[in-house]
Each structure stands twice: as C-alpha cells, then as structure tokens.
C-alpha atoms as a PDB file:
ATOM      1  CA  UNK A   1       0.220   0.347  -0.055  1.00  0.00           C
ATOM      2  CA  UNK A   2       3.251   1.876   0.541  1.00  0.00           C
ATOM      3  CA  UNK A   3       4.198   1.542  -2.631  1.00  0.00           C
ATOM      4  CA  UNK A   4       0.969   1.953  -3.873  1.00  0.00           C
ATOM      5  CA  UNK A   5       0.693   5.673  -2.314  1.00  0.00           C
ATOM      6  CA  UNK A   6       3.783   7.170  -3.730  1.00  0.00           C
ATOM      7  CA  UNK A   7       3.349   5.935  -7.185  1.00  0.00           C
ATOM      8  CA  UNK A   8      -0.583   7.514  -6.583  1.00  0.00           C
ATOM      9  CA  UNK A   9       1.829  10.579  -4.734  1.00  0.00           C
ATOM     10  CA  UNK A  10       4.417  10.523  -8.187  1.00  0.00           C
ATOM     11  CA  UNK A  11       1.836  11.243 -10.377  1.00  0.00           C
ATOM     12  CA  UNK A  12      -1.244  12.765  -9.328  1.00  0.00           C
ATOM     13  CA  UNK A  13       1.958  16.110  -9.502  1.00  0.00           C
ATOM     14  CA  UNK A  14       2.851  15.287 -12.544  1.00  0.00           C
ATOM     15  CA  UNK A  15       3.097  18.158 -15.278  1.00  0.00           C
ATOM     16  CA  UNK A  16       0.917  17.892 -18.578  1.00  0.00           C
ATOM     17  CA  UNK A  17       4.306  17.495 -20.101  1.00  0.00           C
ATOM     18  CA  UNK A  18       6.568  18.486 -17.043  1.00  0.00           C
ATOM     19  CA  UNK A  19       4.395  20.454 -15.469  1.00  0.00           C
ATOM     20  CA  UNK A  20       4.102  23.045 -18.968  1.00  0.00           C
ATOM     21  CA  UNK A  21       4.035  20.598 -21.656  1.00  0.00           C
ATOM     22  CA  UNK A  22       3.495  22.324 -25.312  1.00  0.00           C
ATOM     23  CA  UNK A  23       0.776  21.344 -27.220  1.00  0.00           C
ATOM     24  CA  UNK A  24       1.809  21.137 -31.564  1.00  0.00           C
ATOM     25  CA  UNK A  25      -0.993  18.442 -31.416  1.00  0.00           C
ATOM     26  CA  UNK A  26      -4.293  19.782 -34.045  1.00  0.00           C
ATOM     27  CA  UNK A  27      -7.424  20.156 -31.949  1.00  0.00           C
ATOM     28  CA  UNK A  28      -9.340  17.944 -31.265  1.00  0.00           C
ATOM     29  CA  UNK A  29     -12.419  16.229 -34.261  1.00  0.00           C
ATOM     30  CA  UNK A  30     -15.393  17.792 -33.644  1.00  0.00           C
ATOM     31  CA  UNK A  31     -18.260  15.690 -32.079  1.00  0.00           C
ATOM     32  CA  UNK A  32     -21.374  15.618 -31.916  1.00  0.00           C
ATOM     33  CA  UNK A  33     -21.357  13.895 -28.068  1.00  0.00           C
ATOM     34  CA  UNK A  34     -19.099  15.564 -26.960  1.00  0.00           C
ATOM     35  CA  UNK A  35     -17.190  19.040 -26.791  1.00  0.00           C
ATOM     36  CA  UNK A  36     -13.535  19.396 -25.693  1.00  0.00           C
ATOM     37  CA  UNK A  37     -13.331  23.498 -24.381  1.00  0.00           C
ATOM     38  CA  UNK A  38     -10.353  22.990 -22.495  1.00  0.00           C
ATOM     39  CA  UNK A  39      -7.989  25.223 -24.766  1.00  0.00           C
ATOM     40  CA  UNK A  40      -4.815  22.988 -25.712  1.00  0.00           C
ATOM     41  CA  UNK A  41      -1.929  24.759 -25.795  1.00  0.00           C
ATOM     42  CA  UNK A  42       0.135  25.543 -29.839  1.00  0.00           C
ATOM     43  CA  UNK A  43       3.463  23.798 -30.260  1.00  0.00           C
ATOM     44  CA  UNK A  44       4.826  26.228 -32.067  1.00  0.00           C
ATOM     45  CA  UNK A  45       6.080  28.535 -29.139  1.00  0.00           C
ATOM     46  CA  UNK A  46       5.899  32.301 -30.075  1.00  0.00           C
ATOM     47  CA  UNK A  47       9.902  32.720 -31.326  1.00  0.00           C
ATOM     48  CA  UNK A  48      12.178  34.615 -28.952  1.00  0.00           C
ATOM     49  CA  UNK A  49      14.177  37.325 -30.498  1.00  0.00           C
ATOM     50  CA  UNK A  50      17.593  37.658 -29.232  1.00  0.00           C
ATOM     51  CA  UNK A  51      18.799  40.630 -32.391  1.00  0.00           C
ATOM     52  CA  UNK A  52      17.682  44.172 -31.756  1.00  0.00           C
ATOM     53  CA  UNK A  53      15.301  45.935 -34.760  1.00  0.00           C
ATOM     54  CA  UNK A  54      17.915  49.218 -34.574  1.00  0.00           C
ATOM     55  CA  UNK A  55      20.658  48.843 -36.981  1.00  0.00           C
ATOM     56  CA  UNK A  56      22.832  51.428 -37.551  1.00  0.00           C
ATOM     57  CA  UNK A  57      22.636  52.933 -41.491  1.00  0.00           C
ATOM     58  CA  UNK A  58      25.144  51.188 -43.233  1.00  0.00           C
ATOM     59  CA  UNK A  59      22.872  47.473 -41.659  1.00  0.00           C
ATOM     60  CA  UNK A  60      24.926  46.346 -39.028  1.00  0.00           C
ATOM     61  CA  UNK A  61      23.823  46.092 -35.579  1.00  0.00           C
ATOM     62  CA  UNK A  62      24.023  48.140 -32.869  1.00  0.00           C
ATOM     63  CA  UNK A  63      26.020  45.530 -30.680  1.00  0.00           C
ATOM     64  CA  UNK A  64      24.866  47.747 -27.581  1.00  0.00           C
ATOM     65  CA  UNK A  65      21.643  46.691 -28.624  1.00  0.00           C
ATOM     66  CA  UNK A  66      22.110  43.532 -29.416  1.00  0.00           C
ATOM     67  CA  UNK A  67      23.422  42.649 -26.437  1.00  0.00           C
ATOM     68  CA  UNK A  68      19.919  43.746 -24.461  1.00  0.00           C
ATOM     69  CA  UNK A  69      18.475  41.556 -27.304  1.00  0.00           C
ATOM     70  CA  UNK A  70      20.154  38.105 -25.462  1.00  0.00           C
ATOM     71  CA  UNK A  71      18.697  39.219 -21.862  1.00  0.00           C
ATOM     72  CA  UNK A  72      16.691  36.443 -21.055  1.00  0.00           C
ATOM     73  CA  UNK A  73      12.716  37.942 -20.358  1.00  0.00           C
ATOM     74  CA  UNK A  74      12.251  36.851 -17.128  1.00  0.00           C
ATOM     75  CA  UNK A  75      15.290  37.515 -14.681  1.00  0.00           C
ATOM     76  CA  UNK A  76      16.375  34.114 -13.899  1.00  0.00           C
ATOM     77  CA  UNK A  77      19.667  34.620 -10.866  1.00  0.00           C
ATOM     78  CA  UNK A  78      18.131  30.539 -10.037  1.00  0.00           C
ATOM     79  CA  UNK A  79      18.759  29.399 -14.055  1.00  0.00           C
ATOM     80  CA  UNK A  80      21.628  26.397 -12.846  1.00  0.00           C
ATOM     81  CA  UNK A  81      19.061  25.185  -9.680  1.00  0.00           C
ATOM     82  CA  UNK A  82      16.112  26.052 -12.602  1.00  0.00           C
ATOM     83  CA  UNK A  83      17.408  23.691 -15.182  1.00  0.00           C
ATOM     84  CA  UNK A  84      18.523  21.022 -12.432  1.00  0.00           C
ATOM     85  CA  UNK A  85      14.366  20.659 -11.377  1.00  0.00           C
ATOM     86  CA  UNK A  86      13.844  21.030 -15.608  1.00  0.00           C
ATOM     87  CA  UNK A  87      15.913  17.593 -15.922  1.00  0.00           C
ATOM     88  CA  UNK A  88      14.361  15.237 -13.216  1.00  0.00           C
ATOM     89  CA  UNK A  89      10.554  17.021 -14.668  1.00  0.00           C
ATOM     90  CA  UNK A  90      11.489  15.517 -17.280  1.00  0.00           C
ATOM     91  CA  UNK A  91      12.620  12.113 -16.791  1.00  0.00           C
ATOM     92  CA  UNK A  92       9.542  12.304 -14.680  1.00  0.00           C
ATOM     93  CA  UNK A  93       7.786  12.889 -17.893  1.00  0.00           C
ATOM     94  CA  UNK A  94      10.015  10.084 -19.581  1.00  0.00           C
ATOM     95  CA  UNK A  95       9.535   7.506 -16.883  1.00  0.00           C
ATOM     96  CA  UNK A  96       6.133   7.397 -14.853  1.00  0.00           C
ATOM     97  CA  UNK A  97       4.001   9.913 -16.481  1.00  0.00           C
ATOM     98  CA  UNK A  98       3.724   9.457 -20.350  1.00  0.00           C
ATOM     99  CA  UNK A  99       4.913   4.879 -20.430  1.00  0.00           C
ATOM    100  CA  UNK A 100       1.547   5.399 -17.845  1.00  0.00           C
ATOM    101  CA  UNK A 101      -0.843   7.228 -20.545  1.00  0.00           C
ATOM    102  CA  UNK A 102       0.537   5.292 -23.665  1.00  0.00           C
ATOM    103  CA  UNK A 103      -1.361   2.645 -21.860  1.00  0.00           C
ATOM    104  CA  UNK A 104      -4.397   5.048 -20.113  1.00  0.00           C
ATOM    105  CA  UNK A 105      -5.482   5.900 -24.428  1.00  0.00           C
ATOM    106  CA  UNK A 106      -4.732   2.513 -25.953  1.00  0.00           C
ATOM    107  CA  UNK A 107      -7.574   0.890 -23.221  1.00  0.00           C
ATOM    108  CA  UNK A 108      -9.975   4.044 -23.080  1.00  0.00           C
ATOM    109  CA  UNK A 109     -11.470   6.259 -26.437  1.00  0.00           C
ATOM    110  CA  UNK A 110     -10.521   9.410 -27.722  1.00  0.00           C
ATOM    111  CA  UNK A 111     -14.911  10.506 -26.566  1.00  0.00           C
ATOM    112  CA  UNK A 112     -15.158   9.473 -23.149  1.00  0.00           C
ATOM    113  CA  UNK A 113     -11.180  10.941 -22.729  1.00  0.00           C
ATOM    114  CA  UNK A 114     -12.536  14.409 -24.095  1.00  0.00           C
ATOM    115  CA  UNK A 115     -14.921  14.283 -21.778  1.00  0.00           C
ATOM    116  CA  UNK A 116     -13.626  13.444 -18.711  1.00  0.00           C
ATOM    117  CA  UNK A 117     -11.137  16.194 -19.892  1.00  0.00           C
ATOM    118  CA  UNK A 118     -14.322  18.346 -19.773  1.00  0.00           C
ATOM    119  CA  UNK A 119     -15.092  16.919 -16.229  1.00  0.00           C
ATOM    120  CA  UNK A 120     -12.570  18.902 -15.235  1.00  0.00           C
ATOM    121  CA  UNK A 121     -12.354  22.332 -17.377  1.00  0.00           C
ATOM    122  CA  UNK A 122     -15.285  23.018 -15.348  1.00  0.00           C
ATOM    123  CA  UNK A 123     -14.681  22.472 -11.847  1.00  0.00           C
ATOM    124  CA  UNK A 124     -11.820  24.825 -12.501  1.00  0.00           C
ATOM    125  CA  UNK A 125     -15.209  27.436 -12.862  1.00  0.00           C
ATOM    126  CA  UNK A 126     -14.434  28.712  -9.408  1.00  0.00           C
ATOM    127  CA  UNK A 127     -11.397  29.881 -10.163  1.00  0.00           C
ATOM    128  CA  UNK A 128     -12.175  31.449 -13.157  1.00  0.00           C
ATOM    129  CA  UNK A 129     -15.018  33.070 -11.769  1.00  0.00           C
ATOM    130  CA  UNK A 130     -13.086  34.303  -8.900  1.00  0.00           C
ATOM    131  CA  UNK A 131     -10.453  35.532 -10.908  1.00  0.00           C
ATOM    132  CA  UNK A 132     -12.815  37.991 -13.269  1.00  0.00           C
ATOM    133  CA  UNK A 133     -14.698  39.010 -10.341  1.00  0.00           C
ATOM    134  CA  UNK A 134     -11.357  40.468  -9.097  1.00  0.00           C
ATOM    135  CA  UNK A 135     -10.672  42.049 -12.213  1.00  0.00           C
ATOM    136  CA  UNK A 136     -13.605  43.807 -12.294  1.00  0.00           C
ATOM    137  CA  UNK A 137     -14.441  41.892 -15.110  1.00  0.00           C
ATOM    138  CA  UNK A 138     -17.655  41.361 -14.600  1.00  0.00           C
ATOM    139  CA  UNK A 139     -19.065  40.339 -17.672  1.00  0.00           C
ATOM    140  CA  UNK A 140     -16.997  37.560 -17.702  1.00  0.00           C
ATOM    141  CA  UNK A 141     -17.666  37.033 -14.397  1.00  0.00           C
ATOM    142  CA  UNK A 142     -21.082  36.683 -15.625  1.00  0.00           C
ATOM    143  CA  UNK A 143     -20.432  34.103 -18.641  1.00  0.00           C
ATOM    144  CA  UNK A 144     -18.732  31.839 -16.826  1.00  0.00           C
ATOM    145  CA  UNK A 145     -21.423  31.662 -14.047  1.00  0.00           C
ATOM    146  CA  UNK A 146     -23.193  31.147 -17.890  1.00  0.00           C
ATOM    147  CA  UNK A 147     -21.032  28.491 -19.019  1.00  0.00           C
ATOM    148  CA  UNK A 148     -21.010  26.457 -16.005  1.00  0.00           C
ATOM    149  CA  UNK A 149     -24.587  25.437 -15.217  1.00  0.00           C
ATOM    150  CA  UNK A 150     -25.131  24.674 -18.927  1.00  0.00           C
ATOM    151  CA  UNK A 151     -22.486  22.240 -18.427  1.00  0.00           C
ATOM    152  CA  UNK A 152     -23.507  21.716 -15.714  1.00  0.00           C
ATOM    153  CA  UNK A 153     -27.140  20.589 -16.493  1.00  0.00           C
ATOM    154  CA  UNK A 154     -27.464  19.983 -20.451  1.00  0.00           C
ATOM    155  CA  UNK A 155     -23.878  18.920 -20.396  1.00  0.00           C
ATOM    156  CA  UNK A 156     -24.177  15.840 -17.528  1.00  0.00           C
ATOM    157  CA  UNK A 157     -22.084  17.179 -14.699  1.00  0.00           C
ATOM    158  CA  UNK A 158     -19.373  19.028 -17.239  1.00  0.00           C
ATOM    159  CA  UNK A 159     -18.918  15.608 -19.231  1.00  0.00           C
ATOM    160  CA  UNK A 160     -20.064  17.098 -22.598  1.00  0.00           C
ATOM    161  CA  UNK A 161     -19.703  20.986 -23.421  1.00  0.00           C
ATOM    162  CA  UNK A 162     -22.810  22.156 -24.809  1.00  0.00           C
ATOM    163  CA  UNK A 163     -22.563  25.986 -23.908  1.00  0.00           C
ATOM    164  CA  UNK A 164     -19.719  26.041 -26.835  1.00  0.00           C
ATOM    165  CA  UNK A 165     -21.119  24.156 -29.143  1.00  0.00           C
ATOM    166  CA  UNK A 166     -22.827  26.548 -32.147  1.00  0.00           C
ATOM    167  CA  UNK A 167     -25.888  27.486 -31.093  1.00  0.00           C
ATOM    168  CA  UNK A 168     -24.674  28.396 -27.018  1.00  0.00           C
ATOM    169  CA  UNK A 169     -21.443  29.645 -27.945  1.00  0.00           C
ATOM    170  CA  UNK A 170     -19.972  31.133 -24.645  1.00  0.00           C
ATOM    171  CA  UNK A 171     -16.229  31.086 -24.957  1.00  0.00           C
ATOM    172  CA  UNK A 172     -14.428  30.007 -21.443  1.00  0.00           C
ATOM    173  CA  UNK A 173     -12.855  33.102 -20.010  1.00  0.00           C
ATOM    174  CA  UNK A 174      -9.643  32.085 -19.162  1.00  0.00           C
ATOM    175  CA  UNK A 175      -8.588  33.788 -15.845  1.00  0.00           C
ATOM    176  CA  UNK A 176      -6.836  32.915 -12.837  1.00  0.00           C
ATOM    177  CA  UNK A 177      -5.199  34.706  -9.604  1.00  0.00           C
ATOM    178  CA  UNK A 178      -1.542  34.929 -11.463  1.00  0.00           C
ATOM    179  CA  UNK A 179      -2.737  36.504 -14.530  1.00  0.00           C
ATOM    180  CA  UNK A 180      -5.317  38.598 -11.815  1.00  0.00           C
ATOM    181  CA  UNK A 181      -1.852  39.582  -9.080  1.00  0.00           C
ATOM    182  CA  UNK A 182       0.071  40.723 -12.870  1.00  0.00           C
ATOM    183  CA  UNK A 183      -3.426  42.668 -14.029  1.00  0.00           C
ATOM    184  CA  UNK A 184      -3.414  44.641 -10.782  1.00  0.00           C
ATOM    185  CA  UNK A 185       0.370  46.091 -11.126  1.00  0.00           C
ATOM    186  CA  UNK A 186       2.284  42.744  -9.694  1.00  0.00           C
ATOM    187  CA  UNK A 187       5.592  42.101 -11.992  1.00  0.00           C
ATOM    188  CA  UNK A 188       5.937  38.652 -12.977  1.00  0.00           C
ATOM    189  CA  UNK A 189       9.610  38.541 -10.456  1.00  0.00           C
ATOM    190  CA  UNK A 190      12.006  35.787 -11.281  1.00  0.00           C
ATOM    191  CA  UNK A 191      12.013  33.009 -12.935  1.00  0.00           C
ATOM    192  CA  UNK A 192      11.136  29.741 -11.370  1.00  0.00           C
ATOM    193  CA  UNK A 193      10.873  25.322 -12.777  1.00  0.00           C
ATOM    194  CA  UNK A 194       9.452  23.551  -9.882  1.00  0.00           C
ATOM    195  CA  UNK A 195       9.965  20.068  -8.774  1.00  0.00           C
ATOM    196  CA  UNK A 196       7.212  17.879 -10.397  1.00  0.00           C
ATOM    197  CA  UNK A 197       4.236  21.593 -10.796  1.00  0.00           C
ATOM    198  CA  UNK A 198       6.639  22.868 -13.951  1.00  0.00           C
ATOM    199  CA  UNK A 199       7.657  26.482 -14.883  1.00  0.00           C
ATOM    200  CA  UNK A 200       6.087  28.616 -12.715  1.00  0.00           C
ATOM    201  CA  UNK A 201       7.501  32.651 -11.823  1.00  0.00           C
ATOM    202  CA  UNK A 202       7.683  34.515  -8.264  1.00  0.00           C
ATOM    203  CA  UNK A 203       3.871  35.966  -7.961  1.00  0.00           C
ATOM    204  CA  UNK A 204       2.318  33.880 -10.141  1.00  0.00           C
ATOM    205  CA  UNK A 205       3.967  31.403  -7.202  1.00  0.00           C
ATOM    206  CA  UNK A 206       1.505  33.171  -5.484  1.00  0.00           C
ATOM    207  CA  UNK A 207      -1.350  32.715  -7.955  1.00  0.00           C
ATOM    208  CA  UNK A 208      -1.341  28.497  -7.938  1.00  0.00           C
ATOM    209  CA  UNK A 209      -0.973  29.031  -4.035  1.00  0.00           C
ATOM    210  CA  UNK A 210      -4.726  30.727  -4.453  1.00  0.00           C
ATOM    211  CA  UNK A 211      -5.809  28.268  -7.746  1.00  0.00           C
ATOM    212  CA  UNK A 212      -5.377  25.678  -5.899  1.00  0.00           C
ATOM    213  CA  UNK A 213      -7.963  27.028  -2.573  1.00  0.00           C
ATOM    214  CA  UNK A 214     -10.202  27.608  -4.998  1.00  0.00           C
ATOM    215  CA  UNK A 215     -10.740  24.380  -6.784  1.00  0.00           C
ATOM    216  CA  UNK A 216     -13.007  21.486  -5.733  1.00  0.00           C
ATOM    217  CA  UNK A 217     -11.077  18.869  -6.192  1.00  0.00           C
ATOM    218  CA  UNK A 218      -8.021  19.742  -3.262  1.00  0.00           C
ATOM    219  CA  UNK A 219     -11.075  19.857  -0.974  1.00  0.00           C
ATOM    220  CA  UNK A 220     -11.399  15.269  -1.567  1.00  0.00           C
ATOM    221  CA  UNK A 221     -10.411  13.432   2.152  1.00  0.00           C
ATOM    222  CA  UNK A 222      -8.371  11.343   3.006  1.00  0.00           C
ATOM    223  CA  UNK A 223      -5.724  12.789   1.600  1.00  0.00           C
ATOM    224  CA  UNK A 224      -5.142  10.210  -0.436  1.00  0.00           C
ATOM    225  CA  UNK A 225      -8.012   9.875  -2.009  1.00  0.00           C
ATOM    226  CA  UNK A 226      -7.336  13.060  -3.573  1.00  0.00           C
ATOM    227  CA  UNK A 227      -3.780  12.835  -4.832  1.00  0.00           C
ATOM    228  CA  UNK A 228      -5.841   9.084  -7.060  1.00  0.00           C
ATOM    229  CA  UNK A 229      -8.426  12.216  -7.825  1.00  0.00           C
ATOM    230  CA  UNK A 230      -5.322  14.690  -9.340  1.00  0.00           C
ATOM    231  CA  UNK A 231      -3.263  11.699 -10.886  1.00  0.00           C
ATOM    232  CA  UNK A 232      -5.926  10.027 -12.492  1.00  0.00           C
ATOM    233  CA  UNK A 233      -6.542  13.657 -14.006  1.00  0.00           C
ATOM    234  CA  UNK A 234      -3.510  15.135 -15.045  1.00  0.00           C
ATOM    235  CA  UNK A 235      -3.034  11.314 -16.556  1.00  0.00           C
ATOM    236  CA  UNK A 236      -6.384  11.406 -18.998  1.00  0.00           C
ATOM    237  CA  UNK A 237      -4.566  15.310 -20.208  1.00  0.00           C
ATOM    238  CA  UNK A 238      -1.121  13.903 -20.483  1.00  0.00           C
ATOM    239  CA  UNK A 239      -2.342  11.041 -23.072  1.00  0.00           C
ATOM    240  CA  UNK A 240      -4.479  13.683 -25.111  1.00  0.00           C
ATOM    241  CA  UNK A 241      -0.836  15.161 -25.241  1.00  0.00           C
ATOM    242  CA  UNK A 242       1.654  12.611 -26.485  1.00  0.00           C
ATOM    243  CA  UNK A 243       3.752  14.035 -28.824  1.00  0.00           C
ATOM    244  CA  UNK A 244       3.821  18.469 -27.356  1.00  0.00           C
ATOM    245  CA  UNK A 245       6.642  18.595 -25.198  1.00  0.00           C
ATOM    246  CA  UNK A 246       9.035  15.671 -27.547  1.00  0.00           C
ATOM    247  CA  UNK A 247       8.385  17.799 -30.118  1.00  0.00           C
ATOM    248  CA  UNK A 248       8.890  21.494 -28.554  1.00  0.00           C
ATOM    249  CA  UNK A 249      12.190  19.369 -26.883  1.00  0.00           C
ATOM    250  CA  UNK A 250      13.784  18.593 -31.082  1.00  0.00           C
ATOM    251  CA  UNK A 251      12.604  21.592 -32.508  1.00  0.00           C
ATOM    252  CA  UNK A 252      14.339  23.325 -29.699  1.00  0.00           C
ATOM    253  CA  UNK A 253      18.812  24.478 -30.166  1.00  0.00           C
ATOM    254  CA  UNK A 254      18.267  24.744 -26.047  1.00  0.00           C
ATOM    255  CA  UNK A 255      14.930  22.953 -24.587  1.00  0.00           C
ATOM    256  CA  UNK A 256      14.469  25.540 -21.142  1.00  0.00           C
ATOM    257  CA  UNK A 257      15.825  28.676 -23.019  1.00  0.00           C
ATOM    258  CA  UNK A 258      12.878  27.936 -24.866  1.00  0.00           C
ATOM    259  CA  UNK A 259      10.184  26.951 -22.650  1.00  0.00           C
ATOM    260  CA  UNK A 260      11.353  30.017 -20.402  1.00  0.00           C
ATOM    261  CA  UNK A 261      10.523  32.782 -22.390  1.00  0.00           C
ATOM    262  CA  UNK A 262       7.898  31.471 -24.260  1.00  0.00           C
ATOM    263  CA  UNK A 263       7.116  31.365 -20.649  1.00  0.00           C
ATOM    264  CA  UNK A 264       7.203  34.451 -19.905  1.00  0.00           C
ATOM    265  CA  UNK A 265       6.334  35.597 -23.133  1.00  0.00           C
ATOM    266  CA  UNK A 266       2.541  34.035 -22.706  1.00  0.00           C
ATOM    267  CA  UNK A 267       2.245  34.846 -18.807  1.00  0.00           C
ATOM    268  CA  UNK A 268       3.170  38.841 -19.750  1.00  0.00           C
ATOM    269  CA  UNK A 269       0.549  38.829 -22.796  1.00  0.00           C
ATOM    270  CA  UNK A 270      -2.456  37.553 -20.729  1.00  0.00           C
ATOM    271  CA  UNK A 271      -1.750  39.658 -18.064  1.00  0.00           C
ATOM    272  CA  UNK A 272      -1.830  42.968 -20.782  1.00  0.00           C
ATOM    273  CA  UNK A 273      -5.180  40.433 -22.389  1.00  0.00           C
ATOM    274  CA  UNK A 274      -6.589  41.043 -18.450  1.00  0.00           C
ATOM    275  CA  UNK A 275      -6.436  44.574 -19.826  1.00  0.00           C
ATOM    276  CA  UNK A 276      -7.848  45.046 -22.221  1.00  0.00           C
ATOM    277  CA  UNK A 277      -6.143  43.817 -24.910  1.00  0.00           C
ATOM    278  CA  UNK A 278      -6.310  41.035 -26.716  1.00  0.00           C
ATOM    279  CA  UNK A 279      -5.690  37.674 -25.529  1.00  0.00           C
ATOM    280  CA  UNK A 280      -2.495  35.535 -27.101  1.00  0.00           C
ATOM    281  CA  UNK A 281      -2.598  31.097 -27.846  1.00  0.00           C
ATOM    282  CA  UNK A 282      -0.893  29.800 -25.522  1.00  0.00           C
ATOM    283  CA  UNK A 283       2.496  29.337 -26.442  1.00  0.00           C
ATOM    284  CA  UNK A 284       4.212  25.635 -26.583  1.00  0.00           C
ATOM    285  CA  UNK A 285       5.932  25.106 -23.084  1.00  0.00           C
ATOM    286  CA  UNK A 286       3.020  27.001 -21.205  1.00  0.00           C
ATOM    287  CA  UNK A 287      -0.057  24.932 -19.398  1.00  0.00           C
END
C-alpha cells in the first residue's frame, strides 16, 4: 500500500508534459456528443528575438542593442537550480507519466477521455469566476456562471460542453489568480522551475497557491483519494497531448531557454489581455 501511495503521489503532481507541456497537435475533431472547450496549448512557441531591430545605416546591428536583445525576458538568477529541476521533470515525464498515459490511451477511446477533460475543466469554474471578479471583469464572471450552469445541467455534470456549441457559443474566460496579480501591477519577479510543477515565476507561484484553494478537487478527503483523483486527471490530460513535449525538445536548440522565454512572454501577454488587450494563444511549454 505504501508503494502504491508513493506512485500515486508522483503521478498526482506530474504536470502535463513536465507540468507545462507544449501542445502542437491539431485540435480534437469535433463531435456531436462531446465537445472539448479546454484550450490546448499550440505547439509552436512565439519566436524570441535575440537581436535588436535597430540597425545602423550600414546594415550592421548596434552591438549595445544586440546585447540587450540576448537578455532573458524574465530574470533567471536561479538558472542552475532551474535547469536541474527542468531535467528532473523531464525524466519524470518520460519515465513515469508518458508510459502510463500511453497505456491508458490504448484502453480508453478518445471521446471518453475528452469528456473527462471537460469534466475537470468545468470543476475549475471557481478559479475563473473569482479571478474575473477580482479583475472587475463582471462580463467575464457572468459568462463563466452561464457556462457552468449550462454544462453542469445539460452537459451531464460537465462531461459534455454544450455551452461552446454553435447554438450558444459561450466562450470560456481564461483567467487565474497569477494573471489577476499582474493586472494589478505586480511584476513577474524571478523565473522558477518547481520540481514536478514545472515553469513558474515568483508572482505566478502565489497564484498557484490561491488556485489550489479555489479548486474543489483540493478538498477531497482522505488525502490518498485526492492524490488518486489528481493522478487520474493528469494521466487523462497527458493522453490527449502525447508528442507535444517531444516536439518542442527536438525543435529547440535549448529546450530550457525556449520554455522559459515562451512562458514569460505568454504570461505577460495574458496580463495585457486581462487589461483589455487581445489575449494571446498559449505558447509551447505553458499550461
């Protein structure tokens, strides 16, 4: 029993693709019975320019500006630690999460797995609702209430997603507490890669704590039941994204830098979206 609990503990906290895995695969095919609204992470990370756009009249770059362009978009004073945790999470994905998810994928068809994903996404309603209220986005909060009611009642407890169908077309408000702190002016702080949890920042780490207490699954007791539910959630999620993390590793010269820069840029643009600017698509490596 102790060995089983330990394995479940590992799986429960495993991020999808080392907690923040890319999602290059195309969206799931539409289904009349099951509709997935959870936003998949597109594979291609936005390109991070390392050179300055300011060039001299002779076509050569200004060395001073070029040096600025090479700086990371987020301070990374803990790079040695972060790289070690990145490697740790990488091995957890390849040695534990991916093999389990592959076996699960062979046994369970895609439609039920999408339904499970929709169910857990529906349970995250409090995170999006409270974050929208704190951002004074009352329209977004009302939208979330409507989506939750429709999907819970007519969507069989959230397994289906009729709110996103063509008839209703109620878009999900992608909001979290880390974004909310940014909307109020708090900077990202330093870059942090948490073991098991993956890429984050000082600001978003505080948001993760708040999101935890707003997620109903966190209150399941006893603790081993909670771990089992979280393990199943992550395995199911991973089964829908196998291959994404592998792709970004092969495409990037330095996967650590690629994920760090994409994460920083995405989170900053998401904060700008909370301030009224268009929200960006999710880049590779960000949950």
